[in-house]
Amino acid sequence: MFALLSVTYVLLAVLLGGYSTYLLATLVPEDVLEQASRNGRFSGLYDGPVEHATPAAADATASGSAF
């Protein structure tokens, strides 16, 4: 009996998690998804030209060494 209840609770948790993920994905506005695809949140979904980031300047005031 305990095993059946355990399996039932696990299946309910998985179903609830999947359904809540589906609801969250359908509630996100299309413009937010488009912006996220352009700035790399969803890599490979944006078909436009790729814009690479420029490297940041090194901090010369840091003391010590990484090695």
N, C-alpha and C. Protein backbone atom coordinates (compact mmCIF):
# COMPACT_ATOMS: atom_id res chain seq x y z
N MET A 1 0.82 -1.19 0.00
CA MET A 1 0.00 0.00 0.00
C MET A 1 0.86 1.26 0.00
N PHE A 2 1.92 1.23 0.83
CA PHE A 2 2.81 2.39 0.91
C PHE A 2 3.51 2.63 -0.42
N ALA A 3 3.91 1.56 -1.09
CA ALA A 3 4.60 1.70 -2.39
C ALA A 3 3.66 2.30 -3.43
N LEU A 4 2.41 1.90 -3.43
CA LEU A 4 1.44 2.44 -4.38
C LEU A 4 1.21 3.93 -4.14
N LEU A 5 1.10 4.31 -2.87
CA LEU A 5 0.95 5.73 -2.55
C LEU A 5 2.19 6.53 -2.94
N SER A 6 3.35 5.97 -2.72
CA SER A 6 4.59 6.65 -3.08
C SER A 6 4.68 6.88 -4.58
N VAL A 7 4.37 5.84 -5.34
CA VAL A 7 4.41 5.97 -6.80
C VAL A 7 3.37 6.99 -7.26
N THR A 8 2.22 6.99 -6.66
CA THR A 8 1.17 7.94 -7.01
C THR A 8 1.61 9.37 -6.73
N TYR A 9 2.22 9.61 -5.58
CA TYR A 9 2.68 10.95 -5.25
C TYR A 9 3.80 11.39 -6.18
N VAL A 10 4.69 10.49 -6.55
CA VAL A 10 5.78 10.84 -7.47
C VAL A 10 5.21 11.19 -8.84
N LEU A 11 4.26 10.40 -9.32
CA LEU A 11 3.64 10.70 -10.62
C LEU A 11 2.88 12.02 -10.59
N LEU A 12 2.18 12.29 -9.51
CA LEU A 12 1.49 13.57 -9.39
C LEU A 12 2.47 14.74 -9.36
N ALA A 13 3.59 14.59 -8.69
CA ALA A 13 4.59 15.65 -8.64
C ALA A 13 5.18 15.91 -10.02
N VAL A 14 5.46 14.84 -10.76
CA VAL A 14 6.01 15.00 -12.11
C VAL A 14 4.99 15.66 -13.03
N LEU A 15 3.74 15.23 -12.96
CA LEU A 15 2.70 15.84 -13.78
C LEU A 15 2.47 17.30 -13.43
N LEU A 16 2.46 17.61 -12.15
CA LEU A 16 2.27 19.00 -11.73
C LEU A 16 3.46 19.86 -12.18
N GLY A 17 4.66 19.34 -12.08
CA GLY A 17 5.83 20.09 -12.53
C GLY A 17 5.82 20.32 -14.02
N GLY A 18 5.44 19.30 -14.77
CA GLY A 18 5.37 19.46 -16.23
C GLY A 18 4.29 20.44 -16.64
N TYR A 19 3.15 20.37 -16.00
CA TYR A 19 2.06 21.28 -16.33
C TYR A 19 2.39 22.72 -15.95
N SER A 20 3.04 22.92 -14.81
CA SER A 20 3.41 24.29 -14.42
C SER A 20 4.47 24.84 -15.35
N THR A 21 5.39 24.01 -15.82
CA THR A 21 6.38 24.47 -16.80
C THR A 21 5.69 24.87 -18.10
N TYR A 22 4.74 24.09 -18.54
CA TYR A 22 3.98 24.41 -19.75
C TYR A 22 3.23 25.74 -19.58
N LEU A 23 2.59 25.93 -18.44
CA LEU A 23 1.86 27.18 -18.21
C LEU A 23 2.80 28.38 -18.20
N LEU A 24 3.94 28.25 -17.55
CA LEU A 24 4.90 29.35 -17.53
C LEU A 24 5.40 29.67 -18.93
N ALA A 25 5.65 28.64 -19.72
CA ALA A 25 6.16 28.86 -21.08
C ALA A 25 5.10 29.52 -21.96
N THR A 26 3.83 29.22 -21.75
CA THR A 26 2.79 29.83 -22.57
C THR A 26 2.43 31.23 -22.09
N LEU A 27 2.76 31.59 -20.86
CA LEU A 27 2.43 32.92 -20.35
C LEU A 27 3.48 33.97 -20.67
N VAL A 28 4.67 33.56 -21.11
CA VAL A 28 5.73 34.51 -21.43
C VAL A 28 5.36 35.20 -22.75
N PRO A 29 5.34 36.54 -22.78
CA PRO A 29 4.99 37.25 -24.01
C PRO A 29 6.00 37.00 -25.13
N GLU A 30 5.53 37.08 -26.37
CA GLU A 30 6.36 36.80 -27.54
C GLU A 30 7.53 37.77 -27.67
N ASP A 31 7.34 39.05 -27.32
CA ASP A 31 8.44 40.01 -27.44
C ASP A 31 9.56 39.72 -26.44
N VAL A 32 9.20 39.19 -25.29
CA VAL A 32 10.22 38.81 -24.31
C VAL A 32 11.04 37.63 -24.84
N LEU A 33 10.38 36.66 -25.44
CA LEU A 33 11.10 35.53 -26.03
C LEU A 33 12.00 35.98 -27.17
N GLU A 34 11.54 36.95 -27.97
CA GLU A 34 12.35 37.45 -29.08
C GLU A 34 13.59 38.16 -28.56
N GLN A 35 13.43 38.99 -27.54
CA GLN A 35 14.58 39.69 -26.96
C GLN A 35 15.56 38.69 -26.33
N ALA A 36 15.04 37.69 -25.66
CA ALA A 36 15.90 36.68 -25.03
C ALA A 36 16.66 35.89 -26.08
N SER A 37 16.05 35.64 -27.22
CA SER A 37 16.75 34.90 -28.26
C SER A 37 17.85 35.74 -28.89
N ARG A 38 17.66 37.06 -28.91
CA ARG A 38 18.69 37.93 -29.50
C ARG A 38 19.89 38.10 -28.59
N ASN A 39 19.72 38.09 -27.28
CA ASN A 39 20.87 38.33 -26.41
C ASN A 39 21.49 37.04 -25.88
N GLY A 40 21.13 35.89 -26.46
CA GLY A 40 21.84 34.66 -26.14
C GLY A 40 21.21 33.79 -25.09
N ARG A 41 20.07 34.16 -24.56
CA ARG A 41 19.43 33.32 -23.55
C ARG A 41 19.01 31.99 -24.13
N PHE A 42 18.55 32.01 -25.38
CA PHE A 42 18.16 30.80 -26.07
C PHE A 42 19.08 30.67 -27.28
N SER A 43 20.23 30.13 -27.09
CA SER A 43 21.26 30.07 -28.12
C SER A 43 20.77 29.31 -29.34
N GLY A 44 20.96 29.89 -30.50
CA GLY A 44 20.63 29.22 -31.74
C GLY A 44 19.23 29.46 -32.24
N LEU A 45 18.41 30.20 -31.52
CA LEU A 45 17.05 30.44 -31.96
C LEU A 45 16.91 31.70 -32.80
N TYR A 46 17.89 32.59 -32.72
CA TYR A 46 17.82 33.85 -33.46
C TYR A 46 18.51 33.67 -34.80
N ASP A 47 17.81 34.00 -35.89
CA ASP A 47 18.36 33.80 -37.23
C ASP A 47 19.07 35.03 -37.78
N GLY A 48 19.13 36.10 -37.03
CA GLY A 48 19.76 37.32 -37.51
C GLY A 48 21.28 37.24 -37.41
N PRO A 49 21.95 38.33 -37.80
CA PRO A 49 23.42 38.35 -37.73
C PRO A 49 23.92 38.23 -36.29
N VAL A 50 25.02 37.54 -36.14
CA VAL A 50 25.59 37.31 -34.81
C VAL A 50 26.43 38.51 -34.42
N GLU A 51 26.19 39.03 -33.23
CA GLU A 51 26.97 40.15 -32.71
C GLU A 51 27.81 39.64 -31.54
N HIS A 52 29.11 39.70 -31.69
CA HIS A 52 30.00 39.22 -30.64
C HIS A 52 30.30 40.35 -29.66
N ALA A 53 30.41 40.00 -28.42
CA ALA A 53 30.73 40.98 -27.40
C ALA A 53 32.22 41.31 -27.44
N THR A 54 32.56 42.54 -27.12
CA THR A 54 33.96 42.94 -27.05
C THR A 54 34.49 42.60 -25.67
N PRO A 55 35.74 42.20 -25.56
CA PRO A 55 36.29 41.84 -24.25
C PRO A 55 36.39 43.06 -23.34
N ALA A 56 36.18 42.85 -22.07
CA ALA A 56 36.28 43.93 -21.10
C ALA A 56 37.74 44.22 -20.80
N ALA A 57 38.01 45.45 -20.40
CA ALA A 57 39.36 45.84 -20.05
C ALA A 57 39.78 45.15 -18.75
N ALA A 58 41.04 44.76 -18.68
CA ALA A 58 41.55 44.11 -17.48
C ALA A 58 41.67 45.12 -16.35
N ASP A 59 41.45 44.65 -15.15
CA ASP A 59 41.56 45.50 -13.96
C ASP A 59 43.01 45.51 -13.50
N ALA A 60 43.70 46.60 -13.71
CA ALA A 60 45.12 46.69 -13.38
C ALA A 60 45.36 46.89 -11.90
N THR A 61 44.33 47.17 -11.14
CA THR A 61 44.53 47.44 -9.72
C THR A 61 44.39 46.19 -8.86
N ALA A 62 44.05 45.07 -9.45
CA ALA A 62 43.88 43.84 -8.67
C ALA A 62 45.24 43.37 -8.17
N SER A 63 45.28 42.99 -6.90
CA SER A 63 46.53 42.52 -6.32
C SER A 63 46.56 40.99 -6.31
N GLY A 64 47.73 40.43 -6.39
CA GLY A 64 47.87 39.00 -6.36
C GLY A 64 47.81 38.39 -7.76
N SER A 65 47.89 37.08 -7.80
CA SER A 65 47.89 36.39 -9.06
C SER A 65 46.88 35.24 -9.01
N ALA A 66 46.38 34.88 -10.16
CA ALA A 66 45.42 33.79 -10.21
C ALA A 66 46.10 32.43 -10.04
N PHE A 67 47.40 32.41 -10.24
CA PHE A 67 48.13 31.13 -10.16
C PHE A 67 48.89 31.00 -8.89
